[in-house]
Amino acid sequence: MENVRVEVYSEVYKQEAINLILEIQRIEFEVPITLEQQPDLNTIPDFYQKGNGNFWVALNNNTLIGTIALIDIGNSQVALRKMFVHKDYRGGEYKTGQILLDTALEWMRERSCTQVFLGTLDRFVAAQKFYRKNGFEEILKNDLPQSFPRMTLDNTFFKKEISANNGIAILNYDKTHQPWFEKLNRDWIEKYFWMEPLDFEVLQHPDEHIVKKGGSILMATYNNEVAGTVALKYVAPGVYEFTKMAVDEKYRGKKIGQALAAAAIEKAKLAGANRIILYSNTVLETAINLYRKIGFKEIPVDGPYKRSNIKMELVLKQHHESLS
């Protein structure tokens, strides 16, 4: 899996961002637009980075490979702009567009934005498929809010409703989260069972055992405090294991488990999963009830965990990654 990271824009990336955007617009898609017709690119901090707006860049080995921006248009609404990904880093193992959009959506939820709008060109078919896959619906030009900044060439428009997170934010795991990942899971394991050798190894080295092997880890915060975690472990093509889910006791009852589960299922779909499995124990009644509620069904037990007496499976609809 290739490493793509997202950073908030700073002026050090100005020329790289301009070069990437103009190359995609003018050379790849032959859109007759100039830098002079996009003065915002010369004033990104002043134009985008205020209120609920922001601008991000995606990097691979310190090379700028993508951009995405939001403009605060008032009334808890934002406009999505400047989403561009270098053609060599779309879809596949990179998923740069998805990582950029997830970053922007997380920003919107944290700031209680209610709607996001965007304009594009009808010739950008792959981009439109990508937006629809992520819950955007096409709307008429007349349905745009009056404050929406329209670009002359745009002729296709989309809108997405942003669900309130009630203080919950879902973050992609990074190495600074390891102590929290270990503590949250050790707390519940040691309360109900015992730590097995595999637990110690995975909790202390999640990058090696989960992330680098094709899986992923999500962290949940509640009002900016770490509150829970869940992991998706790659098992086989199309199959992921839902594992190491834990919520801090003081945050239980705030639907953090549901938010983590929903985010993990979406993450699995984007990774091409057609089913998710999990191992648990029937003593964990609250967890089992949650799994059943979101569609997991019990299947015959097998697997590496001595404490597990139940195995469950969630069958997903076929999902295909589109170019972004």
Protein backbone atom coordinates (compact mmCIF):
# COMPACT_ATOMS: atom_id res chain seq x y z
CA MET A 1 0.00 0.00 0.00
CA GLU A 2 1.44 3.38 -1.00
CA ASN A 3 1.53 6.17 1.57
CA VAL A 4 -0.55 9.26 0.81
CA ARG A 5 -0.75 11.96 3.44
CA VAL A 6 -2.84 15.11 3.54
CA GLU A 7 -1.66 18.45 4.91
CA VAL A 8 -3.30 21.83 5.30
CA TYR A 9 -2.05 24.13 2.55
CA SER A 10 0.80 26.51 3.21
CA GLU A 11 2.52 28.85 0.75
CA VAL A 12 5.44 26.46 0.34
CA TYR A 13 3.10 24.38 -1.87
CA LYS A 14 1.83 27.30 -3.97
CA GLN A 15 3.70 26.69 -7.22
CA GLU A 16 3.28 22.90 -7.10
CA ALA A 17 -0.46 23.30 -6.57
CA ILE A 18 -0.76 25.76 -9.46
CA ASN A 19 1.25 23.51 -11.75
CA LEU A 20 -0.82 20.43 -10.92
CA ILE A 21 -4.18 22.16 -11.37
CA LEU A 22 -3.27 23.86 -14.64
CA GLU A 23 -1.78 20.66 -16.08
CA ILE A 24 -4.96 18.69 -15.36
CA GLN A 25 -7.26 21.45 -16.58
CA ARG A 26 -5.44 22.50 -19.72
CA ILE A 27 -3.46 19.45 -20.88
CA GLU A 28 -5.35 16.41 -19.64
CA PHE A 29 -8.90 17.70 -20.11
CA GLU A 30 -8.23 20.53 -22.59
CA VAL A 31 -10.25 23.08 -20.64
CA PRO A 32 -9.41 26.57 -21.98
CA ILE A 33 -8.73 28.26 -18.65
CA THR A 34 -5.72 30.29 -17.53
CA LEU A 35 -4.12 31.17 -14.21
CA GLU A 36 -5.35 34.74 -14.70
CA GLN A 37 -8.91 33.41 -14.79
CA GLN A 38 -8.32 31.74 -11.40
CA PRO A 39 -6.97 34.53 -9.18
CA ASP A 40 -7.87 32.47 -6.11
CA LEU A 41 -4.80 30.28 -6.78
CA ASN A 42 -2.54 33.25 -6.07
CA THR A 43 -4.34 34.12 -2.81
CA ILE A 44 -5.26 30.72 -1.34
CA PRO A 45 -4.92 31.67 2.38
CA ASP A 46 -7.07 34.79 1.99
CA PHE A 47 -9.58 33.21 -0.39
CA TYR A 48 -10.10 29.76 1.16
CA GLN A 49 -8.65 29.52 4.65
CA LYS A 50 -11.21 31.45 6.65
CA GLY A 51 -14.43 30.60 8.47
CA ASN A 52 -15.50 27.07 7.57
CA GLY A 53 -13.24 27.09 4.51
CA ASN A 54 -9.83 25.50 4.06
CA PHE A 55 -7.43 24.14 1.44
CA TRP A 56 -5.55 20.82 1.62
CA VAL A 57 -2.83 19.15 -0.41
CA ALA A 58 -2.13 15.42 -0.82
CA LEU A 59 1.50 14.33 -0.82
CA ASN A 60 3.35 11.16 -1.78
CA ASN A 61 7.01 11.10 -0.81
CA ASN A 62 6.86 14.91 -0.48
CA THR A 63 5.54 15.30 -4.04
CA LEU A 64 2.25 17.17 -4.34
CA ILE A 65 -0.26 14.85 -6.05
CA GLY A 66 -3.67 16.32 -5.20
CA THR A 67 -5.66 19.27 -3.88
CA ILE A 68 -9.09 19.98 -2.44
CA ALA A 69 -10.64 23.17 -1.06
CA LEU A 70 -13.74 24.47 0.69
CA ILE A 71 -15.21 27.97 0.59
CA ASP A 72 -17.39 29.19 3.46
CA ILE A 73 -20.57 30.51 1.77
CA GLY A 74 -22.52 31.21 4.97
CA ASN A 75 -25.57 29.58 6.57
CA SER A 76 -23.42 26.57 7.64
CA GLN A 77 -22.91 25.75 3.95
CA VAL A 78 -19.67 25.31 2.02
CA ALA A 79 -18.65 25.02 -1.62
CA LEU A 80 -16.19 22.31 -2.69
CA ARG A 81 -13.55 23.58 -5.10
CA LYS A 82 -10.21 22.69 -6.64
CA MET A 83 -10.40 18.91 -6.27
CA PHE A 84 -7.67 17.62 -8.54
CA VAL A 85 -5.59 14.44 -8.39
CA HIS A 86 -2.62 13.60 -10.61
CA LYS A 87 -3.63 10.86 -13.06
CA ASP A 88 -0.98 8.46 -11.73
CA TYR A 89 -2.44 8.57 -8.21
CA ARG A 90 -6.17 8.07 -8.80
CA GLY A 91 -8.01 5.05 -7.43
CA GLY A 92 -6.16 1.77 -7.18
CA GLU A 93 -3.74 1.47 -4.29
CA TYR A 94 -3.59 5.23 -3.70
CA LYS A 95 -7.25 6.31 -3.37
CA THR A 96 -5.98 9.90 -3.18
CA GLY A 97 -9.31 11.45 -4.11
CA GLN A 98 -11.10 9.51 -1.39
CA ILE A 99 -8.53 10.47 1.22
CA LEU A 100 -8.84 14.14 0.27
CA LEU A 101 -12.63 14.09 0.30
CA ASP A 102 -12.73 12.23 3.64
CA THR A 103 -10.48 14.93 5.10
CA ALA A 104 -12.80 17.69 3.88
CA LEU A 105 -15.94 15.87 5.08
CA GLU A 106 -14.43 15.37 8.52
CA TRP A 107 -13.63 19.10 8.65
CA MET A 108 -17.25 19.92 7.73
CA ARG A 109 -18.68 17.65 10.43
CA GLU A 110 -16.39 19.06 13.09
CA ARG A 111 -17.67 22.53 12.24
CA SER A 112 -21.34 21.51 12.02
CA CYS A 113 -21.68 22.35 8.33
CA THR A 114 -25.04 21.18 6.98
CA GLN A 115 -24.57 21.11 3.19
CA VAL A 116 -21.76 21.13 0.63
CA PHE A 117 -22.22 22.15 -3.03
CA LEU A 118 -19.96 21.83 -6.06
CA GLY A 119 -19.87 22.66 -9.74
CA THR A 120 -18.05 20.69 -12.41
CA LEU A 121 -18.02 20.04 -16.14
CA ASP A 122 -20.18 17.36 -17.76
CA ARG A 123 -17.08 15.93 -19.48
CA PHE A 124 -15.60 14.95 -16.09
CA VAL A 125 -17.52 11.66 -16.06
CA ALA A 126 -15.21 9.80 -13.64
CA ALA A 127 -15.37 12.68 -11.17
CA GLN A 128 -19.17 12.67 -11.27
CA LYS A 129 -19.24 8.92 -10.58
CA PHE A 130 -16.91 9.53 -7.64
CA TYR A 131 -19.16 12.24 -6.18
CA ARG A 132 -22.29 10.11 -6.57
CA LYS A 133 -20.52 7.18 -4.90
CA ASN A 134 -19.88 9.47 -1.93
CA GLY A 135 -23.49 10.54 -1.53
CA PHE A 136 -23.64 13.67 -3.68
CA GLU A 137 -26.82 14.19 -5.68
CA GLU A 138 -27.04 16.15 -8.90
CA ILE A 139 -29.12 19.33 -8.72
CA LEU A 140 -30.21 22.07 -11.09
CA LYS A 141 -28.24 25.28 -11.35
CA ASN A 142 -31.27 27.18 -10.06
CA ASP A 143 -31.21 25.08 -6.86
CA LEU A 144 -27.80 26.39 -5.83
CA PRO A 145 -27.76 28.87 -2.93
CA GLN A 146 -27.35 32.48 -4.02
CA SER A 147 -24.04 32.68 -2.19
CA PHE A 148 -22.54 29.79 -4.21
CA PRO A 149 -19.52 31.07 -6.21
CA ARG A 150 -20.24 29.94 -9.76
CA MET A 151 -17.48 29.32 -12.26
CA THR A 152 -18.28 30.34 -15.83
CA LEU A 153 -17.44 26.95 -17.35
CA ASP A 154 -19.28 24.76 -14.80
CA ASN A 155 -22.46 23.17 -16.15
CA THR A 156 -23.14 20.27 -13.75
CA PHE A 157 -23.89 20.75 -10.05
CA PHE A 158 -24.07 18.55 -6.97
CA LYS A 159 -25.16 18.78 -3.34
CA LYS A 160 -24.50 16.60 -0.28
CA GLU A 161 -26.18 16.77 3.11
CA ILE A 162 -23.72 16.63 6.01
CA SER A 163 -24.93 14.58 8.97
CA ALA A 164 -24.40 16.04 12.42
CA ASN A 165 -21.81 14.10 14.41
CA ASN A 166 -22.97 15.14 17.90
CA GLY A 167 -19.41 15.82 18.96
CA ILE A 168 -18.02 12.65 17.36
CA ALA A 169 -15.20 12.76 14.82
CA ILE A 170 -13.73 9.72 13.07
CA LEU A 171 -10.02 9.96 12.28
CA ASN A 172 -7.60 7.79 10.34
CA TYR A 173 -5.02 6.18 12.63
CA ASP A 174 -1.48 7.49 12.81
CA LYS A 175 1.45 6.39 14.96
CA THR A 176 0.64 8.88 17.72
CA HIS A 177 -2.59 6.96 18.36
CA GLN A 178 -0.83 3.69 19.29
CA PRO A 179 -0.94 4.22 23.10
CA TRP A 180 -4.66 4.96 22.89
CA PHE A 181 -5.28 1.99 20.59
CA GLU A 182 -3.53 -0.29 23.08
CA LYS A 183 -5.14 1.17 26.21
CA LEU A 184 -8.70 1.16 24.91
CA ASN A 185 -8.46 -2.49 23.89
CA ARG A 186 -6.53 -3.69 26.95
CA ASP A 187 -9.16 -2.12 29.22
CA TRP A 188 -12.01 -4.27 27.90
CA ILE A 189 -9.97 -7.41 27.26
CA GLU A 190 -8.56 -7.45 30.80
CA LYS A 191 -11.96 -6.64 32.29
CA TYR A 192 -13.73 -9.61 30.70
CA PHE A 193 -10.96 -12.03 29.62
CA TRP A 194 -7.18 -12.11 29.49
CA MET A 195 -4.54 -10.81 27.11
CA GLU A 196 -3.35 -13.44 24.64
CA PRO A 197 0.13 -13.32 23.03
CA LEU A 198 -1.45 -12.23 19.73
CA ASP A 199 -3.15 -9.32 21.54
CA PHE A 200 0.13 -7.95 22.88
CA GLU A 201 1.77 -8.17 19.48
CA VAL A 202 -1.07 -6.50 17.55
CA LEU A 203 -1.82 -3.77 20.10
CA GLN A 204 1.82 -2.76 20.46
CA HIS A 205 2.61 -2.95 16.73
CA PRO A 206 -0.64 -2.17 14.85
CA ASP A 207 1.19 -0.65 11.89
CA GLU A 208 3.01 -3.91 11.23
CA HIS A 209 0.09 -6.26 11.82
CA ILE A 210 -2.83 -4.28 10.39
CA VAL A 211 -1.96 -1.19 8.34
CA LYS A 212 1.04 -2.48 6.39
CA LYS A 213 -0.81 -5.70 5.58
CA GLY A 214 -3.60 -3.90 3.74
CA GLY A 215 -5.89 -3.08 6.66
CA SER A 216 -6.77 0.16 8.40
CA ILE A 217 -7.52 1.58 11.82
CA LEU A 218 -9.99 4.30 12.76
CA MET A 219 -10.01 6.40 15.92
CA ALA A 220 -13.06 8.17 17.33
CA THR A 221 -12.88 11.40 19.30
CA TYR A 222 -15.65 12.96 21.34
CA ASN A 223 -15.34 16.73 21.72
CA ASN A 224 -11.69 16.34 20.66
CA GLU A 225 -10.90 13.65 23.26
CA VAL A 226 -9.95 10.12 22.09
CA ALA A 227 -12.95 7.94 22.87
CA GLY A 228 -12.79 4.75 20.79
CA THR A 229 -11.21 2.74 18.02
CA VAL A 230 -11.84 -0.04 15.52
CA ALA A 231 -9.64 -1.88 13.04
CA LEU A 232 -10.20 -3.57 9.68
CA LYS A 233 -7.76 -6.43 9.15
CA TYR A 234 -7.16 -7.70 5.62
CA VAL A 235 -7.92 -11.42 5.46
CA ALA A 236 -8.18 -12.30 1.76
CA PRO A 237 -9.27 -10.59 -1.47
CA GLY A 238 -12.69 -9.10 -0.73
CA VAL A 239 -12.64 -10.15 2.94
CA TYR A 240 -11.80 -8.00 5.98
CA GLU A 241 -12.00 -8.72 9.69
CA PHE A 242 -13.75 -6.23 11.95
CA THR A 243 -11.49 -6.29 15.03
CA LYS A 244 -10.12 -4.44 18.04
CA MET A 245 -13.23 -2.33 18.55
CA ALA A 246 -13.29 -0.50 21.87
CA VAL A 247 -15.00 2.55 23.38
CA ASP A 248 -13.86 4.25 26.57
CA GLU A 249 -16.39 3.51 29.34
CA LYS A 250 -16.92 7.18 30.15
CA TYR A 251 -18.11 7.80 26.58
CA ARG A 252 -20.45 4.86 26.22
CA GLY A 253 -24.08 5.64 25.41
CA LYS A 254 -23.08 8.43 23.01
CA LYS A 255 -23.34 6.24 19.88
CA ILE A 256 -19.59 6.23 19.33
CA GLY A 257 -19.63 2.49 18.61
CA GLN A 258 -22.27 2.99 15.92
CA ALA A 259 -20.24 5.82 14.35
CA LEU A 260 -17.08 3.69 14.32
CA ALA A 261 -18.92 0.70 12.85
CA ALA A 262 -20.51 2.77 10.10
CA ALA A 263 -17.18 4.39 9.20
CA ALA A 264 -15.41 1.02 9.17
CA ILE A 265 -18.03 -0.50 6.87
CA GLU A 266 -17.65 2.39 4.44
CA LYS A 267 -13.88 2.03 4.61
CA ALA A 268 -14.21 -1.69 3.80
CA LYS A 269 -16.45 -0.97 0.82
CA LEU A 270 -13.94 1.51 -0.54
CA ALA A 271 -11.23 -1.14 -0.16
CA GLY A 272 -13.27 -3.50 -2.35
CA ALA A 273 -14.65 -5.76 0.38
CA ASN A 274 -17.62 -8.00 -0.34
CA ARG A 275 -17.86 -9.28 3.22
CA ILE A 276 -16.67 -8.46 6.73
CA ILE A 277 -16.18 -11.06 9.45
CA LEU A 278 -15.68 -10.68 13.20
CA TYR A 279 -14.94 -12.83 16.25
CA SER A 280 -16.45 -12.03 19.64
CA ASN A 281 -17.90 -13.52 22.80
CA THR A 282 -21.54 -13.66 23.82
CA VAL A 283 -20.69 -12.17 27.22
CA LEU A 284 -20.27 -8.86 25.36
CA GLU A 285 -24.02 -8.40 24.94
CA THR A 286 -23.95 -4.72 24.00
CA ALA A 287 -21.40 -5.32 21.25
CA ILE A 288 -23.24 -8.37 19.89
CA ASN A 289 -26.51 -6.40 19.79
CA LEU A 290 -24.77 -3.61 17.86
CA TYR A 291 -23.33 -6.07 15.34
CA ARG A 292 -26.74 -7.65 14.78
CA LYS A 293 -28.36 -4.24 14.44
CA ILE A 294 -26.03 -3.25 11.59
CA GLY A 295 -26.56 -6.52 9.73
CA PHE A 296 -24.00 -9.07 10.96
CA LYS A 297 -25.24 -12.68 10.96
CA GLU A 298 -23.88 -15.55 13.03
CA ILE A 299 -21.86 -18.21 11.19
CA PRO A 300 -19.86 -21.28 12.37
CA VAL A 301 -16.96 -20.41 14.69
CA ASP A 302 -13.31 -20.85 13.78
CA GLY A 303 -10.30 -18.59 14.10
CA PRO A 304 -7.24 -17.77 16.22
CA TYR A 305 -8.84 -16.37 19.41
CA LYS A 306 -9.34 -18.72 22.39
CA ARG A 307 -11.84 -16.35 24.02
CA SER A 308 -14.16 -16.23 20.97
CA ASN A 309 -17.34 -18.27 21.03
CA ILE A 310 -19.17 -16.49 18.22
CA LYS A 311 -18.27 -15.58 14.65
CA MET A 312 -20.35 -13.19 12.57
CA GLU A 313 -20.41 -12.04 8.95
CA LEU A 314 -21.71 -8.99 7.10
CA VAL A 315 -22.23 -9.48 3.37
CA LEU A 316 -21.73 -6.25 1.41
CA LYS A 317 -23.06 -5.21 -1.96
CA GLN A 318 -20.51 -5.17 -4.74
CA HIS A 319 -18.56 -1.90 -4.68
CA HIS A 320 -16.15 -0.65 -7.31
CA GLU A 321 -13.54 2.06 -6.92
CA SER A 322 -13.90 4.79 -9.51
CA LEU A 323 -11.33 7.24 -10.73
CA SER A 324 -11.21 10.43 -8.74
